[in-house]
């Protein structure tokens, strides 16, 4: 019984470096990120700011992208073990003139 409880509470099956890679790819592929940047802007950098927070830079514009947890799928009322389920919350782009 104790083993079953500890498995039910397990959260991420991916090592941290692999999870970050998944989050990077999701950010780069996200249509919301592209729509938030000025038309024709190309992403030049993606920076890890802190837990669940990234900064995307494109030319003179930046925007923040937050990683938000989604509930883990359940099987018979018990959360399933596996990689983190998340969605991205895309902020407004901030552009400076140089």
PDB file of N, CA and C in Angstrom:
ATOM      1  N   UNK A   1       0.826  -1.195   0.000  1.00  0.00           N
ATOM      2  CA  UNK A   1       0.000   0.000   0.000  1.00  0.00           C
ATOM      3  C   UNK A   1       0.865   1.252   0.000  1.00  0.00           C
ATOM      4  N   UNK A   2       1.920   1.257   0.786  1.00  0.00           N
ATOM      5  CA  UNK A   2       2.790   2.424   0.846  1.00  0.00           C
ATOM      6  C   UNK A   2       3.448   2.679  -0.504  1.00  0.00           C
ATOM      7  N   UNK A   3       3.865   1.631  -1.186  1.00  0.00           N
ATOM      8  CA  UNK A   3       4.474   1.776  -2.503  1.00  0.00           C
ATOM      9  C   UNK A   3       3.490   2.414  -3.475  1.00  0.00           C
ATOM     10  N   UNK A   4       2.265   1.977  -3.463  1.00  0.00           N
ATOM     11  CA  UNK A   4       1.248   2.545  -4.341  1.00  0.00           C
ATOM     12  C   UNK A   4       1.013   4.013  -4.065  1.00  0.00           C
ATOM     13  N   UNK A   5       1.050   4.410  -2.808  1.00  0.00           N
ATOM     14  CA  UNK A   5       0.852   5.812  -2.464  1.00  0.00           C
ATOM     15  C   UNK A   5       2.024   6.657  -2.943  1.00  0.00           C
ATOM     16  N   UNK A   6       3.234   6.159  -2.783  1.00  0.00           N
ATOM     17  CA  UNK A   6       4.383   6.960  -3.199  1.00  0.00           C
ATOM     18  C   UNK A   6       4.423   7.094  -4.716  1.00  0.00           C
ATOM     19  N   UNK A   7       3.999   6.079  -5.446  1.00  0.00           N
ATOM     20  CA  UNK A   7       3.955   6.173  -6.904  1.00  0.00           C
ATOM     21  C   UNK A   7       2.888   7.164  -7.346  1.00  0.00           C
ATOM     22  N   UNK A   8       1.780   7.193  -6.649  1.00  0.00           N
ATOM     23  CA  UNK A   8       0.711   8.110  -7.012  1.00  0.00           C
ATOM     24  C   UNK A   8       1.144   9.555  -6.830  1.00  0.00           C
ATOM     25  N   UNK A   9       2.057   9.801  -5.902  1.00  0.00           N
ATOM     26  CA  UNK A   9       2.507  11.157  -5.656  1.00  0.00           C
ATOM     27  C   UNK A   9       3.722  11.536  -6.494  1.00  0.00           C
ATOM     28  N   UNK A  10       4.284  10.608  -7.234  1.00  0.00           N
ATOM     29  CA  UNK A  10       5.427  10.937  -8.089  1.00  0.00           C
ATOM     30  C   UNK A  10       4.972  11.947  -9.130  1.00  0.00           C
ATOM     31  N   UNK A  11       5.817  12.925  -9.423  1.00  0.00           N
ATOM     32  CA  UNK A  11       5.389  14.000 -10.301  1.00  0.00           C
ATOM     33  C   UNK A  11       6.052  13.923 -11.669  1.00  0.00           C
ATOM     34  N   UNK A  12       7.346  14.141 -11.740  1.00  0.00           N
ATOM     35  CA  UNK A  12       8.013  14.196 -13.034  1.00  0.00           C
ATOM     36  C   UNK A  12       8.907  12.986 -13.230  1.00  0.00           C
ATOM     37  N   UNK A  13       8.706  12.322 -14.338  1.00  0.00           N
ATOM     38  CA  UNK A  13       9.531  11.164 -14.639  1.00  0.00           C
ATOM     39  C   UNK A  13      10.784  11.564 -15.410  1.00  0.00           C
ATOM     40  N   UNK A  14      10.820  12.797 -15.931  1.00  0.00           N
ATOM     41  CA  UNK A  14      11.979  13.247 -16.690  1.00  0.00           C
ATOM     42  C   UNK A  14      13.013  13.885 -15.771  1.00  0.00           C
ATOM     43  N   UNK A  15      14.299  13.683 -16.045  1.00  0.00           N
ATOM     44  CA  UNK A  15      15.316  14.403 -15.288  1.00  0.00           C
ATOM     45  C   UNK A  15      15.212  15.898 -15.613  1.00  0.00           C
ATOM     46  N   UNK A  16      15.685  16.759 -14.717  1.00  0.00           N
ATOM     47  CA  UNK A  16      15.528  18.212 -14.921  1.00  0.00           C
ATOM     48  C   UNK A  16      16.038  18.716 -16.271  1.00  0.00           C
ATOM     49  N   UNK A  17      17.188  18.235 -16.728  1.00  0.00           N
ATOM     50  CA  UNK A  17      17.717  18.717 -18.008  1.00  0.00           C
ATOM     51  C   UNK A  17      16.802  18.339 -19.159  1.00  0.00           C
ATOM     52  N   UNK A  18      16.181  17.169 -19.085  1.00  0.00           N
ATOM     53  CA  UNK A  18      15.272  16.734 -20.146  1.00  0.00           C
ATOM     54  C   UNK A  18      13.967  17.525 -20.096  1.00  0.00           C
ATOM     55  N   UNK A  19      13.473  17.805 -18.894  1.00  0.00           N
ATOM     56  CA  UNK A  19      12.248  18.595 -18.758  1.00  0.00           C
ATOM     57  C   UNK A  19      12.465  19.999 -19.303  1.00  0.00           C
ATOM     58  N   UNK A  20      13.615  20.590 -18.998  1.00  0.00           N
ATOM     59  CA  UNK A  20      13.904  21.933 -19.505  1.00  0.00           C
ATOM     60  C   UNK A  20      13.959  21.917 -21.032  1.00  0.00           C
ATOM     61  N   UNK A  21      14.518  20.882 -21.600  1.00  0.00           N
ATOM     62  CA  UNK A  21      14.579  20.757 -23.056  1.00  0.00           C
ATOM     63  C   UNK A  21      13.172  20.702 -23.659  1.00  0.00           C
ATOM     64  N   UNK A  22      12.273  19.980 -23.017  1.00  0.00           N
ATOM     65  CA  UNK A  22      10.878  19.898 -23.473  1.00  0.00           C
ATOM     66  C   UNK A  22      10.232  21.282 -23.404  1.00  0.00           C
ATOM     67  N   UNK A  23      10.488  22.020 -22.327  1.00  0.00           N
ATOM     68  CA  UNK A  23       9.915  23.358 -22.168  1.00  0.00           C
ATOM     69  C   UNK A  23      10.483  24.326 -23.203  1.00  0.00           C
ATOM     70  N   UNK A  24      11.792  24.250 -23.482  1.00  0.00           N
ATOM     71  CA  UNK A  24      12.408  25.090 -24.513  1.00  0.00           C
ATOM     72  C   UNK A  24      11.729  24.836 -25.860  1.00  0.00           C
ATOM     73  N   UNK A  25      11.614  23.573 -26.223  1.00  0.00           N
ATOM     74  CA  UNK A  25      11.018  23.226 -27.520  1.00  0.00           C
ATOM     75  C   UNK A  25       9.572  23.702 -27.595  1.00  0.00           C
ATOM     76  N   UNK A  26       8.815  23.513 -26.528  1.00  0.00           N
ATOM     77  CA  UNK A  26       7.419  23.954 -26.513  1.00  0.00           C
ATOM     78  C   UNK A  26       7.335  25.468 -26.701  1.00  0.00           C
ATOM     79  N   UNK A  27       8.242  26.210 -26.077  1.00  0.00           N
ATOM     80  CA  UNK A  27       8.253  27.668 -26.202  1.00  0.00           C
ATOM     81  C   UNK A  27       8.575  28.081 -27.633  1.00  0.00           C
ATOM     82  N   UNK A  28       9.581  27.460 -28.220  1.00  0.00           N
ATOM     83  CA  UNK A  28       9.972  27.800 -29.591  1.00  0.00           C
ATOM     84  C   UNK A  28       8.896  27.442 -30.609  1.00  0.00           C
ATOM     85  N   UNK A  29       8.121  26.396 -30.340  1.00  0.00           N
ATOM     86  CA  UNK A  29       7.089  25.931 -31.268  1.00  0.00           C
ATOM     87  C   UNK A  29       5.724  26.584 -31.043  1.00  0.00           C
ATOM     88  N   UNK A  30       5.571  27.341 -29.966  1.00  0.00           N
ATOM     89  CA  UNK A  30       4.260  27.863 -29.575  1.00  0.00           C
ATOM     90  C   UNK A  30       3.802  29.003 -30.492  1.00  0.00           C
ATOM     91  N   UNK A  31       2.620  28.863 -31.069  1.00  0.00           N
ATOM     92  CA  UNK A  31       2.075  29.901 -31.943  1.00  0.00           C
ATOM     93  C   UNK A  31       1.766  31.183 -31.175  1.00  0.00           C
ATOM     94  N   UNK A  32       1.406  31.061 -29.905  1.00  0.00           N
ATOM     95  CA  UNK A  32       1.136  32.243 -29.088  1.00  0.00           C
ATOM     96  C   UNK A  32       2.369  33.110 -28.914  1.00  0.00           C
ATOM     97  N   UNK A  33       3.531  32.474 -28.815  1.00  0.00           N
ATOM     98  CA  UNK A  33       4.788  33.223 -28.710  1.00  0.00           C
ATOM     99  C   UNK A  33       5.012  33.996 -30.002  1.00  0.00           C
ATOM    100  N   UNK A  34       4.847  33.335 -31.137  1.00  0.00           N
ATOM    101  CA  UNK A  34       5.067  33.997 -32.424  1.00  0.00           C
ATOM    102  C   UNK A  34       4.076  35.137 -32.644  1.00  0.00           C
ATOM    103  N   UNK A  35       2.830  34.951 -32.223  1.00  0.00           N
ATOM    104  CA  UNK A  35       1.816  35.999 -32.387  1.00  0.00           C
ATOM    105  C   UNK A  35       2.086  37.191 -31.477  1.00  0.00           C
ATOM    106  N   UNK A  36       2.720  36.962 -30.333  1.00  0.00           N
ATOM    107  CA  UNK A  36       2.998  38.044 -29.387  1.00  0.00           C
ATOM    108  C   UNK A  36       4.165  38.920 -29.838  1.00  0.00           C
ATOM    109  N   UNK A  37       4.995  38.397 -30.728  1.00  0.00           N
ATOM    110  CA  UNK A  37       6.128  39.168 -31.244  1.00  0.00           C
ATOM    111  C   UNK A  37       5.684  39.974 -32.461  1.00  0.00           C
ATOM    112  N   UNK A  38       6.357  41.107 -32.724  1.00  0.00           N
ATOM    113  CA  UNK A  38       6.003  41.884 -33.919  1.00  0.00           C
ATOM    114  C   UNK A  38       6.120  41.030 -35.184  1.00  0.00           C
ATOM    115  N   UNK A  39       5.269  41.320 -36.137  1.00  0.00           N
ATOM    116  CA  UNK A  39       5.229  40.557 -37.393  1.00  0.00           C
ATOM    117  C   UNK A  39       6.614  40.488 -38.030  1.00  0.00           C
ATOM    118  N   UNK A  40       7.001  39.295 -38.402  1.00  0.00           N
ATOM    119  CA  UNK A  40       8.277  39.093 -39.072  1.00  0.00           C
ATOM    120  C   UNK A  40       9.470  38.950 -38.149  1.00  0.00           C
ATOM    121  N   UNK A  41       9.257  39.062 -36.844  1.00  0.00           N
ATOM    122  CA  UNK A  41      10.370  38.936 -35.897  1.00  0.00           C
ATOM    123  C   UNK A  41      10.824  37.489 -35.805  1.00  0.00           C
ATOM    124  N   UNK A  42      12.115  37.312 -35.719  1.00  0.00           N
ATOM    125  CA  UNK A  42      12.687  35.985 -35.523  1.00  0.00           C
ATOM    126  C   UNK A  42      13.258  35.890 -34.117  1.00  0.00           C
ATOM    127  N   UNK A  43      13.015  34.777 -33.457  1.00  0.00           N
ATOM    128  CA  UNK A  43      13.557  34.573 -32.115  1.00  0.00           C
ATOM    129  C   UNK A  43      15.073  34.485 -32.210  1.00  0.00           C
ATOM    130  N   UNK A  44      15.741  35.311 -31.408  1.00  0.00           N
ATOM    131  CA  UNK A  44      17.202  35.312 -31.378  1.00  0.00           C
ATOM    132  C   UNK A  44      17.747  34.587 -30.162  1.00  0.00           C
ATOM    133  N   UNK A  45      16.984  34.623 -29.066  1.00  0.00           N
ATOM    134  CA  UNK A  45      17.446  33.909 -27.875  1.00  0.00           C
ATOM    135  C   UNK A  45      16.269  33.514 -27.003  1.00  0.00           C
ATOM    136  N   UNK A  46      16.491  32.464 -26.256  1.00  0.00           N
ATOM    137  CA  UNK A  46      15.535  31.968 -25.270  1.00  0.00           C
ATOM    138  C   UNK A  46      16.323  31.768 -23.993  1.00  0.00           C
ATOM    139  N   UNK A  47      15.959  32.511 -22.961  1.00  0.00           N
ATOM    140  CA  UNK A  47      16.733  32.532 -21.719  1.00  0.00           C
ATOM    141  C   UNK A  47      15.907  31.985 -20.556  1.00  0.00           C
ATOM    142  N   UNK A  48      16.513  31.087 -19.792  1.00  0.00           N
ATOM    143  CA  UNK A  48      15.890  30.583 -18.562  1.00  0.00           C
ATOM    144  C   UNK A  48      16.106  31.643 -17.490  1.00  0.00           C
ATOM    145  N   UNK A  49      15.030  32.203 -16.964  1.00  0.00           N
ATOM    146  CA  UNK A  49      15.113  33.249 -15.945  1.00  0.00           C
ATOM    147  C   UNK A  49      15.062  32.647 -14.550  1.00  0.00           C
ATOM    148  N   UNK A  50      14.220  31.673 -14.359  1.00  0.00           N
ATOM    149  CA  UNK A  50      14.046  31.023 -13.066  1.00  0.00           C
ATOM    150  C   UNK A  50      12.999  29.935 -13.215  1.00  0.00           C
ATOM    151  N   UNK A  51      12.661  29.283 -12.114  1.00  0.00           N
ATOM    152  CA  UNK A  51      11.677  28.200 -12.203  1.00  0.00           C
ATOM    153  C   UNK A  51      10.404  28.649 -12.931  1.00  0.00           C
ATOM    154  N   UNK A  52      10.092  27.950 -13.991  1.00  0.00           N
ATOM    155  CA  UNK A  52       8.870  28.170 -14.767  1.00  0.00           C
ATOM    156  C   UNK A  52       8.793  29.533 -15.445  1.00  0.00           C
ATOM    157  N   UNK A  53       9.932  30.168 -15.708  1.00  0.00           N
ATOM    158  CA  UNK A  53       9.928  31.476 -16.363  1.00  0.00           C
ATOM    159  C   UNK A  53      11.062  31.568 -17.380  1.00  0.00           C
ATOM    160  N   UNK A  54      10.691  31.935 -18.612  1.00  0.00           N
ATOM    161  CA  UNK A  54      11.650  32.101 -19.703  1.00  0.00           C
ATOM    162  C   UNK A  54      11.481  33.489 -20.311  1.00  0.00           C
ATOM    163  N   UNK A  55      12.558  34.005 -20.917  1.00  0.00           N
ATOM    164  CA  UNK A  55      12.498  35.263 -21.653  1.00  0.00           C
ATOM    165  C   UNK A  55      12.877  34.983 -23.108  1.00  0.00           C
ATOM    166  N   UNK A  56      12.001  35.405 -24.002  1.00  0.00           N
ATOM    167  CA  UNK A  56      12.233  35.268 -25.434  1.00  0.00           C
ATOM    168  C   UNK A  56      12.660  36.633 -25.961  1.00  0.00           C
ATOM    169  N   UNK A  57      13.738  36.670 -26.739  1.00  0.00           N
ATOM    170  CA  UNK A  57      14.209  37.914 -27.349  1.00  0.00           C
ATOM    171  C   UNK A  57      14.152  37.789 -28.859  1.00  0.00           C
ATOM    172  N   UNK A  58      13.657  38.860 -29.481  1.00  0.00           N
ATOM    173  CA  UNK A  58      13.575  38.927 -30.943  1.00  0.00           C
ATOM    174  C   UNK A  58      13.833  40.375 -31.343  1.00  0.00           C
ATOM    175  N   UNK A  59      15.021  40.648 -31.841  1.00  0.00           N
ATOM    176  CA  UNK A  59      15.368  42.025 -32.195  1.00  0.00           C
ATOM    177  C   UNK A  59      15.364  42.898 -30.958  1.00  0.00           C
ATOM    178  N   UNK A  60      14.590  43.978 -31.015  1.00  0.00           N
ATOM    179  CA  UNK A  60      14.505  44.917 -29.890  1.00  0.00           C
ATOM    180  C   UNK A  60      13.344  44.580 -28.953  1.00  0.00           C
ATOM    181  N   UNK A  61      12.752  43.418 -29.132  1.00  0.00           N
ATOM    182  CA  UNK A  61      11.586  43.037 -28.330  1.00  0.00           C
ATOM    183  C   UNK A  61      11.882  41.812 -27.466  1.00  0.00           C
ATOM    184  N   UNK A  62      11.268  41.799 -26.294  1.00  0.00           N
ATOM    185  CA  UNK A  62      11.342  40.634 -25.411  1.00  0.00           C
ATOM    186  C   UNK A  62       9.939  40.327 -24.906  1.00  0.00           C
ATOM    187  N   UNK A  63       9.755  39.103 -24.484  1.00  0.00           N
ATOM    188  CA  UNK A  63       8.512  38.744 -23.803  1.00  0.00           C
ATOM    189  C   UNK A  63       8.793  37.605 -22.845  1.00  0.00           C
ATOM    190  N   UNK A  64       7.996  37.557 -21.799  1.00  0.00           N
ATOM    191  CA  UNK A  64       8.137  36.499 -20.802  1.00  0.00           C
ATOM    192  C   UNK A  64       7.131  35.394 -21.089  1.00  0.00           C
ATOM    193  N   UNK A  65       7.575  34.180 -20.861  1.00  0.00           N
ATOM    194  CA  UNK A  65       6.725  33.002 -21.033  1.00  0.00           C
ATOM    195  C   UNK A  65       6.787  32.204 -19.734  1.00  0.00           C
ATOM    196  N   UNK A  66       5.633  31.968 -19.144  1.00  0.00           N
ATOM    197  CA  UNK A  66       5.549  31.191 -17.905  1.00  0.00           C
ATOM    198  C   UNK A  66       5.041  29.785 -18.207  1.00  0.00           C
ATOM    199  N   UNK A  67       5.595  28.836 -17.485  1.00  0.00           N
ATOM    200  CA  UNK A  67       5.157  27.445 -17.588  1.00  0.00           C
ATOM    201  C   UNK A  67       4.160  27.206 -16.457  1.00  0.00           C
ATOM    202  N   UNK A  68       2.955  26.810 -16.821  1.00  0.00           N
ATOM    203  CA  UNK A  68       1.890  26.569 -15.842  1.00  0.00           C
ATOM    204  C   UNK A  68       1.531  25.091 -15.848  1.00  0.00           C
ATOM    205  N   UNK A  69       1.417  24.522 -14.660  1.00  0.00           N
ATOM    206  CA  UNK A  69       1.046  23.110 -14.537  1.00  0.00           C
ATOM    207  C   UNK A  69      -0.378  22.866 -15.012  1.00  0.00           C
ATOM    208  N   UNK A  70      -0.564  21.742 -15.669  1.00  0.00           N
ATOM    209  CA  UNK A  70      -1.888  21.203 -15.961  1.00  0.00           C
ATOM    210  C   UNK A  70      -2.042  19.971 -15.093  1.00  0.00           C
ATOM    211  N   UNK A  71      -3.258  19.636 -14.719  1.00  0.00           N
ATOM    212  CA  UNK A  71      -3.443  18.444 -13.887  1.00  0.00           C
ATOM    213  C   UNK A  71      -2.929  17.190 -14.592  1.00  0.00           C
ATOM    214  N   UNK A  72      -2.354  16.309 -13.806  1.00  0.00           N
ATOM    215  CA  UNK A  72      -1.909  15.021 -14.342  1.00  0.00           C
ATOM    216  C   UNK A  72      -3.143  14.191 -14.667  1.00  0.00           C
ATOM    217  N   UNK A  73      -3.112  13.442 -15.764  1.00  0.00           N
ATOM    218  CA  UNK A  73      -4.238  12.553 -16.058  1.00  0.00           C
ATOM    219  C   UNK A  73      -4.400  11.520 -14.943  1.00  0.00           C
ATOM    220  N   UNK A  74      -5.624  11.095 -14.748  1.00  0.00           N
ATOM    221  CA  UNK A  74      -5.904  10.105 -13.706  1.00  0.00           C
ATOM    222  C   UNK A  74      -6.407   8.809 -14.328  1.00  0.00           C
ATOM    223  N   UNK A  75      -6.127   7.738 -13.624  1.00  0.00           N
ATOM    224  CA  UNK A  75      -6.667   6.425 -13.989  1.00  0.00           C
ATOM    225  C   UNK A  75      -7.333   5.873 -12.741  1.00  0.00           C
ATOM    226  N   UNK A  76      -8.628   5.699 -12.802  1.00  0.00           N
ATOM    227  CA  UNK A  76      -9.416   5.222 -11.668  1.00  0.00           C
ATOM    228  C   UNK A  76      -9.191   6.102 -10.440  1.00  0.00           C
ATOM    229  N   UNK A  77      -9.156   7.415 -10.671  1.00  0.00           N
ATOM    230  CA  UNK A  77      -9.046   8.373  -9.577  1.00  0.00           C
ATOM    231  C   UNK A  77      -7.650   8.576  -9.022  1.00  0.00           C
ATOM    232  N   UNK A  78      -6.650   7.922  -9.602  1.00  0.00           N
ATOM    233  CA  UNK A  78      -5.269   8.045  -9.115  1.00  0.00           C
ATOM    234  C   UNK A  78      -4.441   8.753 -10.185  1.00  0.00           C
ATOM    235  N   UNK A  79      -3.724   9.847  -9.809  1.00  0.00           N
ATOM    236  CA  UNK A  79      -2.885  10.525 -10.807  1.00  0.00           C
ATOM    237  C   UNK A  79      -1.861   9.565 -11.401  1.00  0.00           C
ATOM    238  N   UNK A  80      -1.713   9.626 -12.712  1.00  0.00           N
ATOM    239  CA  UNK A  80      -0.754   8.765 -13.402  1.00  0.00           C
ATOM    240  C   UNK A  80       0.648   9.363 -13.285  1.00  0.00           C
ATOM    241  N   UNK A  81       1.633   8.513 -13.281  1.00  0.00           N
ATOM    242  CA  UNK A  81       3.027   8.927 -13.208  1.00  0.00           C
ATOM    243  C   UNK A  81       3.510   9.209 -14.623  1.00  0.00           C
ATOM    244  N   UNK A  82       4.321  10.225 -14.781  1.00  0.00           N
ATOM    245  CA  UNK A  82       4.862  10.531 -16.102  1.00  0.00           C
ATOM    246  C   UNK A  82       5.421  11.929 -16.150  1.00  0.00           C
ATOM    247  N   UNK A  83       5.797  12.360 -17.340  1.00  0.00           N
ATOM    248  CA  UNK A  83       6.365  13.695 -17.474  1.00  0.00           C
ATOM    249  C   UNK A  83       5.356  14.769 -17.090  1.00  0.00           C
ATOM    250  N   UNK A  84       5.865  15.901 -16.754  1.00  0.00           N
ATOM    251  CA  UNK A  84       5.044  17.038 -16.345  1.00  0.00           C
ATOM    252  C   UNK A  84       4.111  17.454 -17.483  1.00  0.00           C
ATOM    253  N   UNK A  85       2.868  17.718 -17.138  1.00  0.00           N
ATOM    254  CA  UNK A  85       1.902  18.261 -18.084  1.00  0.00           C
ATOM    255  C   UNK A  85       1.829  19.757 -17.832  1.00  0.00           C
ATOM    256  N   UNK A  86       2.000  20.543 -18.888  1.00  0.00           N
ATOM    257  CA  UNK A  86       2.028  21.993 -18.700  1.00  0.00           C
ATOM    258  C   UNK A  86       1.466  22.716 -19.913  1.00  0.00           C
ATOM    259  N   UNK A  87       1.187  23.981 -19.709  1.00  0.00           N
ATOM    260  CA  UNK A  87       0.814  24.879 -20.792  1.00  0.00           C
ATOM    261  C   UNK A  87       1.632  26.147 -20.626  1.00  0.00           C
ATOM    262  N   UNK A  88       1.697  26.943 -21.663  1.00  0.00           N
ATOM    263  CA  UNK A  88       2.486  28.162 -21.619  1.00  0.00           C
ATOM    264  C   UNK A  88       1.573  29.373 -21.503  1.00  0.00           C
ATOM    265  N   UNK A  89       1.975  30.308 -20.663  1.00  0.00           N
ATOM    266  CA  UNK A  89       1.286  31.585 -20.522  1.00  0.00           C
ATOM    267  C   UNK A  89       2.223  32.639 -21.105  1.00  0.00           C
ATOM    268  N   UNK A  90       1.832  33.198 -22.232  1.00  0.00           N
ATOM    269  CA  UNK A  90       2.684  34.131 -22.962  1.00  0.00           C
ATOM    270  C   UNK A  90       2.338  35.559 -22.568  1.00  0.00           C
ATOM    271  N   UNK A  91       3.350  36.305 -22.155  1.00  0.00           N
ATOM    272  CA  UNK A  91       3.152  37.703 -21.786  1.00  0.00           C
ATOM    273  C   UNK A  91       3.125  38.606 -23.010  1.00  0.00           C
ATOM    274  N   UNK A  92       3.000  39.893 -22.756  1.00  0.00           N
ATOM    275  CA  UNK A  92       3.015  40.898 -23.819  1.00  0.00           C
ATOM    276  C   UNK A  92       4.455  41.197 -24.204  1.00  0.00           C
ATOM    277  N   UNK A  93       4.683  41.448 -25.483  1.00  0.00           N
ATOM    278  CA  UNK A  93       6.037  41.806 -25.895  1.00  0.00           C
ATOM    279  C   UNK A  93       6.317  43.254 -25.505  1.00  0.00           C
ATOM    280  N   UNK A  94       7.555  43.492 -25.108  1.00  0.00           N
ATOM    281  CA  UNK A  94       8.026  44.827 -24.750  1.00  0.00           C
ATOM    282  C   UNK A  94       9.150  45.158 -25.717  1.00  0.00           C
ATOM    283  N   UNK A  95       8.977  46.247 -26.459  1.00  0.00           N
ATOM    284  CA  UNK A  95       9.971  46.622 -27.467  1.00  0.00           C
ATOM    285  C   UNK A  95      10.609  47.957 -27.098  1.00  0.00           C
ATOM    286  N   UNK A  96      11.905  48.046 -27.319  1.00  0.00           N
ATOM    287  CA  UNK A  96      12.641  49.289 -27.090  1.00  0.00           C
ATOM    288  C   UNK A  96      13.145  49.805 -28.426  1.00  0.00           C
ATOM    289  N   UNK A  97      13.359  51.084 -28.492  1.00  0.00           N
ATOM    290  CA  UNK A  97      13.907  51.674 -29.714  1.00  0.00           C
ATOM    291  C   UNK A  97      15.358  52.000 -29.470  1.00  0.00           C
ATOM    292  N   UNK A  98      16.195  51.607 -30.397  1.00  0.00           N
ATOM    293  CA  UNK A  98      17.623  51.913 -30.280  1.00  0.00           C
ATOM    294  C   UNK A  98      18.064  52.809 -31.400  1.00  0.00           C
TER     295      UNK A  98
END
